[in-house]
Amino acid sequence: MKFQENKSPVEVATSNKGLKTTLIGIIISAILAVVKALGGIFGNSYALIADAIESTADIFTSAMLWFGLKWSAKPADKEHPYGHGKAEALTAVGIAVALIIAAYVIAVESIHNIRTPHETPKAYTLIILALVIATKELLFRYVLKTADELGSGAVKADAFHHRSDAITSAAAFIGITIGLVAGKGYESADDWAALLAALIIVINAYRIFRPAIGELLDEELDPELNQSVRVLAAEVAGVQYVEKCHIRKMGIMNHADLHIWVNKDITVNQGHDIAHRVKDHITFNLPKFNDIMIHIEPDN
């Protein structure tokens, strides 16, 4: 059996856009990680250092995403007849695991600092955090918009990773503000903020992990898409009923299995033509479908 060596125009365009977005995220996260680390060290704020750890995790996970997108965009071959799209879901799982590890590191160090007396953070750390929050929120919206356009779970996971970074920065901002305003006895407020941020990171990790596992297990992740495919198939002349429709997600693309009823008295060749028209009609209206397997049933 021969497999198509070239990717479809849809796959090429979406893959390139995803890679570009991810690269921008890596560059911005790297800059912010350095700024936050220096601000935390010289400004005496572990919440800001914890935030730098989160941004460093962003660099790592975005790099994972970049390689995952490159791998998932590879065309089908003899060993992988359905393509390599599942690599994207595996990447999302890896991002979720990295988030949990980052949350653990932050939580352990936060608890240690809460138990250890230290000075109140410097006021200028609030300026750094305000800039970080604004930058990360804008980056989240940009990456999420790209994820929605591509239908990519891994890119969406990366977007929520940026949102979790913005949340940890906001928590640090609140904690440092409390410490500065309340004064003596509240020096550890930013450490409590960092601990809260760790919990938020774990919640975001679950939001990334759950749909990625669903994709790997071929769960029905989008009932509305299933209904759209059924409606399109039923629009084709000769289709009397759509009996079954199963959709699996393969990275940024989809595969579908359909059972359709046709007149039992038509020829095999006529049934074959109807199946091809169904496939062409669906892929024309929903170009994110890589392949559609259609089984013909006689209408009884």
Protein backbone atom coordinates (compact mmCIF):
# COMPACT_ATOMS: atom_id res chain seq x y z
CA MET A 1 0.00 0.00 0.00
CA LYS A 2 1.32 3.47 -0.92
CA PHE A 3 0.91 6.43 1.37
CA GLN A 4 0.74 10.09 0.48
CA GLU A 5 4.15 11.63 0.94
CA ASN A 6 3.03 15.25 0.93
CA LYS A 7 0.97 16.95 3.57
CA SER A 8 -2.31 18.61 2.61
CA PRO A 9 -2.37 22.44 2.28
CA VAL A 10 -4.53 22.59 5.43
CA GLU A 11 -1.98 20.59 7.43
CA VAL A 12 0.93 22.69 6.14
CA ALA A 13 -0.78 26.00 6.95
CA THR A 14 -1.96 24.95 10.40
CA SER A 15 1.34 23.34 11.31
CA ASN A 16 3.33 26.43 10.31
CA LYS A 17 1.00 28.73 12.23
CA GLY A 18 1.23 26.56 15.33
CA LEU A 19 5.03 26.47 15.12
CA LYS A 20 5.26 30.24 14.72
CA THR A 21 2.98 30.86 17.72
CA THR A 22 4.96 28.42 19.85
CA LEU A 23 8.28 30.02 18.94
CA ILE A 24 6.96 33.47 19.95
CA GLY A 25 5.86 31.99 23.28
CA ILE A 26 9.32 30.50 23.89
CA ILE A 27 11.09 33.81 23.26
CA ILE A 28 8.74 35.84 25.49
CA SER A 29 8.83 33.25 28.29
CA ALA A 30 12.64 33.22 28.23
CA ILE A 31 12.82 37.00 28.59
CA LEU A 32 10.26 37.03 31.41
CA ALA A 33 11.98 34.19 33.25
CA VAL A 34 15.24 36.17 33.42
CA VAL A 35 13.48 39.39 34.47
CA LYS A 36 11.45 37.66 37.20
CA ALA A 37 14.40 35.67 38.54
CA LEU A 38 16.56 38.79 38.87
CA GLY A 39 13.67 40.75 40.37
CA GLY A 40 12.96 37.98 42.87
CA ILE A 41 16.59 37.56 43.93
CA PHE A 42 17.36 41.26 44.37
CA GLY A 43 13.84 42.19 45.46
CA ASN A 44 13.70 39.49 48.17
CA SER A 45 10.53 37.84 46.82
CA TYR A 46 10.20 34.07 46.57
CA ALA A 47 6.80 34.52 44.92
CA LEU A 48 8.61 36.23 42.06
CA ILE A 49 11.25 33.50 41.99
CA ALA A 50 8.45 30.92 41.91
CA ASP A 51 6.99 32.85 39.01
CA ALA A 52 10.37 32.62 37.27
CA ILE A 53 10.25 28.84 37.76
CA GLU A 54 6.83 28.83 36.11
CA SER A 55 8.17 30.82 33.14
CA THR A 56 11.11 28.44 32.86
CA ALA A 57 8.62 25.59 32.74
CA ASP A 58 6.86 27.53 29.98
CA ILE A 59 10.06 27.46 27.94
CA PHE A 60 10.44 23.72 28.44
CA THR A 61 6.82 22.88 27.65
CA SER A 62 6.68 25.22 24.65
CA ALA A 63 9.80 23.52 23.30
CA MET A 64 8.05 20.17 23.82
CA LEU A 65 5.05 21.54 21.93
CA TRP A 66 7.23 22.76 19.07
CA PHE A 67 8.75 19.32 18.57
CA GLY A 68 5.35 17.68 19.10
CA LEU A 69 3.77 19.80 16.36
CA LYS A 70 6.65 19.01 14.01
CA TRP A 71 6.27 15.29 14.68
CA SER A 72 2.46 15.21 14.48
CA ALA A 73 2.51 16.98 11.11
CA LYS A 74 4.52 14.17 9.49
CA PRO A 75 2.48 12.40 6.76
CA ALA A 76 1.25 8.84 7.07
CA ASP A 77 3.71 6.05 6.31
CA LYS A 78 3.76 2.25 6.30
CA GLU A 79 4.19 1.99 10.08
CA HIS A 80 1.73 4.82 10.84
CA PRO A 81 -1.14 4.58 8.33
CA TYR A 82 -3.22 7.10 10.32
CA GLY A 83 -0.38 9.60 10.48
CA HIS A 84 1.46 10.91 13.54
CA GLY A 85 -1.24 13.19 14.97
CA LYS A 86 -1.37 11.42 18.34
CA ALA A 87 2.07 12.89 19.07
CA GLU A 88 0.29 16.18 19.74
CA ALA A 89 -1.87 14.63 22.47
CA LEU A 90 1.22 13.00 23.99
CA THR A 91 2.85 16.43 24.02
CA ALA A 92 -0.14 17.87 25.89
CA VAL A 93 0.21 15.11 28.49
CA GLY A 94 3.91 15.98 28.81
CA ILE A 95 3.03 19.65 29.32
CA ALA A 96 0.56 18.71 32.08
CA VAL A 97 3.20 16.58 33.84
CA ALA A 98 5.75 19.42 33.60
CA LEU A 99 3.21 21.79 35.17
CA ILE A 100 2.65 19.41 38.07
CA ILE A 101 6.40 19.12 38.65
CA ALA A 102 6.74 22.92 38.62
CA ALA A 103 3.84 23.21 41.08
CA TYR A 104 5.49 20.69 43.41
CA VAL A 105 8.80 22.56 43.39
CA ILE A 106 7.03 25.86 44.08
CA ALA A 107 4.89 24.38 46.89
CA VAL A 108 7.85 22.75 48.69
CA GLU A 109 9.94 25.93 48.59
CA SER A 110 6.96 28.09 49.61
CA ILE A 111 6.31 25.98 52.71
CA HIS A 112 9.99 26.18 53.59
CA ASN A 113 9.98 29.98 53.28
CA ILE A 114 6.77 30.31 55.30
CA ARG A 115 8.53 28.53 58.17
CA THR A 116 11.68 30.64 57.79
CA PRO A 117 11.61 34.33 58.82
CA HIS A 118 12.72 36.73 56.08
CA GLU A 119 12.47 40.34 54.95
CA THR A 120 9.49 41.89 53.18
CA PRO A 121 9.88 42.01 49.37
CA LYS A 122 10.92 45.28 47.74
CA ALA A 123 8.17 47.55 46.36
CA TYR A 124 9.60 47.65 42.84
CA THR A 125 8.81 43.93 42.42
CA LEU A 126 5.19 45.00 41.99
CA ILE A 127 6.11 46.91 38.82
CA ILE A 128 7.80 43.82 37.40
CA LEU A 129 4.77 41.68 38.21
CA ALA A 130 2.31 44.15 36.66
CA LEU A 131 4.26 44.07 33.39
CA VAL A 132 4.46 40.27 33.53
CA ILE A 133 0.71 39.88 34.13
CA ALA A 134 -0.15 42.11 31.18
CA THR A 135 2.35 40.39 28.87
CA LYS A 136 1.30 36.84 29.80
CA GLU A 137 -2.42 37.60 29.52
CA LEU A 138 -1.90 39.02 26.03
CA LEU A 139 0.20 36.00 25.10
CA PHE A 140 -2.51 33.67 26.47
CA ARG A 141 -5.16 35.32 24.30
CA TYR A 142 -2.93 35.19 21.22
CA VAL A 143 -2.04 31.51 21.65
CA LEU A 144 -5.63 30.54 22.55
CA LYS A 145 -6.92 32.26 19.38
CA THR A 146 -4.42 30.26 17.34
CA ALA A 147 -5.40 27.04 19.16
CA ASP A 148 -9.09 27.60 18.37
CA GLU A 149 -8.30 28.29 14.72
CA LEU A 150 -6.20 25.12 14.46
CA GLY A 151 -8.38 22.93 16.66
CA SER A 152 -5.21 21.93 18.48
CA GLY A 153 -5.43 20.56 22.02
CA ALA A 154 -1.67 20.85 22.54
CA VAL A 155 -1.57 24.52 21.48
CA LYS A 156 -4.55 25.18 23.75
CA ALA A 157 -2.63 23.48 26.57
CA ASP A 158 0.25 25.85 25.91
CA ALA A 159 -2.16 28.80 26.03
CA PHE A 160 -3.47 27.77 29.45
CA HIS A 161 0.11 27.35 30.61
CA HIS A 162 0.63 31.04 29.81
CA ARG A 163 -2.62 31.85 31.65
CA SER A 164 -1.38 29.92 34.71
CA ASP A 165 1.78 32.02 34.60
CA ALA A 166 -0.33 35.19 34.58
CA ILE A 167 -2.33 33.84 37.55
CA THR A 168 0.80 33.02 39.57
CA SER A 169 2.07 36.54 38.87
CA ALA A 170 -1.26 37.99 40.02
CA ALA A 171 -1.11 35.90 43.19
CA ALA A 172 2.45 37.11 43.82
CA PHE A 173 1.33 40.72 43.24
CA ILE A 174 -1.42 40.36 45.84
CA GLY A 175 0.87 38.63 48.33
CA ILE A 176 3.64 41.23 48.04
CA THR A 177 1.11 44.07 48.31
CA ILE A 178 -0.25 42.57 51.55
CA GLY A 179 3.26 42.22 52.92
CA LEU A 180 4.15 45.82 52.08
CA VAL A 181 0.90 47.36 53.33
CA ALA A 182 0.44 45.24 56.48
CA GLY A 183 4.09 45.50 57.47
CA LYS A 184 5.82 43.46 60.18
CA GLY A 185 4.40 40.00 60.71
CA TYR A 186 3.21 39.67 57.11
CA GLU A 187 6.58 39.07 55.48
CA SER A 188 5.51 35.60 54.33
CA ALA A 189 2.39 36.83 52.48
CA ASP A 190 4.09 36.43 49.12
CA ASP A 191 5.09 32.85 50.06
CA TRP A 192 1.44 32.04 50.77
CA ALA A 193 0.64 33.58 47.40
CA ALA A 194 3.20 31.30 45.76
CA LEU A 195 1.61 28.30 47.51
CA LEU A 196 -1.81 29.31 46.19
CA ALA A 197 -0.31 29.71 42.73
CA ALA A 198 1.00 26.12 42.91
CA LEU A 199 -2.55 24.89 43.52
CA ILE A 200 -3.83 26.89 40.53
CA ILE A 201 -1.09 25.38 38.36
CA VAL A 202 -2.21 21.86 39.33
CA ILE A 203 -5.80 22.69 38.38
CA ASN A 204 -4.66 23.98 34.99
CA ALA A 205 -2.56 20.83 34.54
CA TYR A 206 -5.69 18.71 34.98
CA ARG A 207 -7.56 20.83 32.43
CA ILE A 208 -4.80 20.06 29.95
CA PHE A 209 -4.35 16.40 30.90
CA ARG A 210 -8.00 15.27 30.74
CA PRO A 211 -8.81 16.09 27.07
CA ALA A 212 -5.37 14.87 25.95
CA ILE A 213 -6.05 11.45 27.49
CA GLY A 214 -9.48 11.49 25.85
CA GLU A 215 -7.86 12.07 22.47
CA LEU A 216 -5.38 9.24 22.99
CA LEU A 217 -8.26 6.92 23.90
CA ASP A 218 -10.34 8.07 20.89
CA GLU A 219 -13.15 9.47 23.01
CA GLU A 220 -15.99 11.36 21.34
CA LEU A 221 -14.65 14.81 22.22
CA ASP A 222 -16.91 16.97 20.05
CA PRO A 223 -20.58 15.89 19.75
CA GLU A 224 -21.38 19.01 17.69
CA LEU A 225 -18.78 18.04 15.08
CA ASN A 226 -20.27 14.54 14.96
CA GLN A 227 -23.71 16.01 14.28
CA SER A 228 -22.29 18.28 11.56
CA VAL A 229 -20.77 15.29 9.79
CA ARG A 230 -24.08 13.40 9.99
CA VAL A 231 -25.98 16.35 8.52
CA LEU A 232 -23.50 16.79 5.66
CA ALA A 233 -23.60 13.08 4.82
CA ALA A 234 -27.42 13.10 4.78
CA GLU A 235 -27.41 16.01 2.31
CA VAL A 236 -25.86 13.87 -0.45
CA ALA A 237 -28.30 12.45 -3.00
CA GLY A 238 -28.72 8.69 -2.57
CA VAL A 239 -28.06 8.64 1.19
CA GLN A 240 -31.24 7.48 2.89
CA TYR A 241 -29.98 7.31 6.46
CA VAL A 242 -26.76 7.83 8.44
CA GLU A 243 -26.59 4.90 10.83
CA LYS A 244 -23.26 5.43 12.57
CA CYS A 245 -20.68 8.17 12.80
CA HIS A 246 -17.49 7.81 14.82
CA ILE A 247 -14.81 10.50 14.85
CA ARG A 248 -11.27 10.28 16.14
CA LYS A 249 -8.95 13.23 16.54
CA MET A 250 -5.44 12.91 15.15
CA GLY A 251 -3.56 16.04 16.18
CA ILE A 252 -4.98 19.00 14.26
CA MET A 253 -6.83 16.70 11.83
CA ASN A 254 -9.76 14.28 12.15
CA HIS A 255 -10.73 10.85 10.86
CA ALA A 256 -14.31 9.58 10.58
CA ASP A 257 -16.01 6.20 10.16
CA LEU A 258 -19.54 6.31 8.68
CA HIS A 259 -22.24 3.71 8.07
CA ILE A 260 -24.81 4.98 5.55
CA TRP A 261 -27.92 3.36 4.12
CA VAL A 262 -28.59 3.42 0.36
CA ASN A 263 -31.24 1.85 -1.87
CA LYS A 264 -30.67 -1.90 -1.76
CA ASP A 265 -31.48 -2.27 -5.48
CA ILE A 266 -28.67 -0.06 -6.84
CA THR A 267 -25.43 -1.51 -8.19
CA VAL A 268 -22.17 -1.78 -6.26
CA ASN A 269 -20.71 0.85 -8.56
CA GLN A 270 -23.56 3.28 -7.78
CA GLY A 271 -23.11 2.69 -4.04
CA HIS A 272 -19.39 3.34 -4.47
CA ASP A 273 -20.10 6.64 -6.23
CA ILE A 274 -22.44 7.74 -3.44
CA ALA A 275 -19.74 7.00 -0.85
CA HIS A 276 -17.23 9.12 -2.76
CA ARG A 277 -19.71 12.00 -3.04
CA VAL A 278 -20.31 11.82 0.72
CA LYS A 279 -16.60 11.93 1.43
CA ASP A 280 -16.00 14.83 -0.99
CA HIS A 281 -18.95 16.79 0.44
CA ILE A 282 -17.73 16.42 4.02
CA THR A 283 -14.07 17.23 3.33
CA PHE A 284 -15.07 20.26 1.23
CA ASN A 285 -17.13 21.71 4.09
CA LEU A 286 -14.88 20.43 6.90
CA PRO A 287 -11.29 20.51 5.55
CA LYS A 288 -9.87 19.35 8.90
CA PHE A 289 -10.86 15.77 7.98
CA ASN A 290 -7.90 13.80 6.69
CA ASP A 291 -9.83 10.66 5.82
CA ILE A 292 -13.37 9.31 5.97
CA MET A 293 -14.08 5.58 5.84
CA ILE A 294 -17.62 4.89 4.60
CA HIS A 295 -19.45 1.58 4.93
CA ILE A 296 -22.49 1.08 2.69
CA GLU A 297 -25.57 -0.65 4.12
CA PRO A 298 -28.65 -1.71 2.10
CA ASP A 299 -31.82 0.14 3.10
CA ASN A 300 -34.21 -2.46 4.43
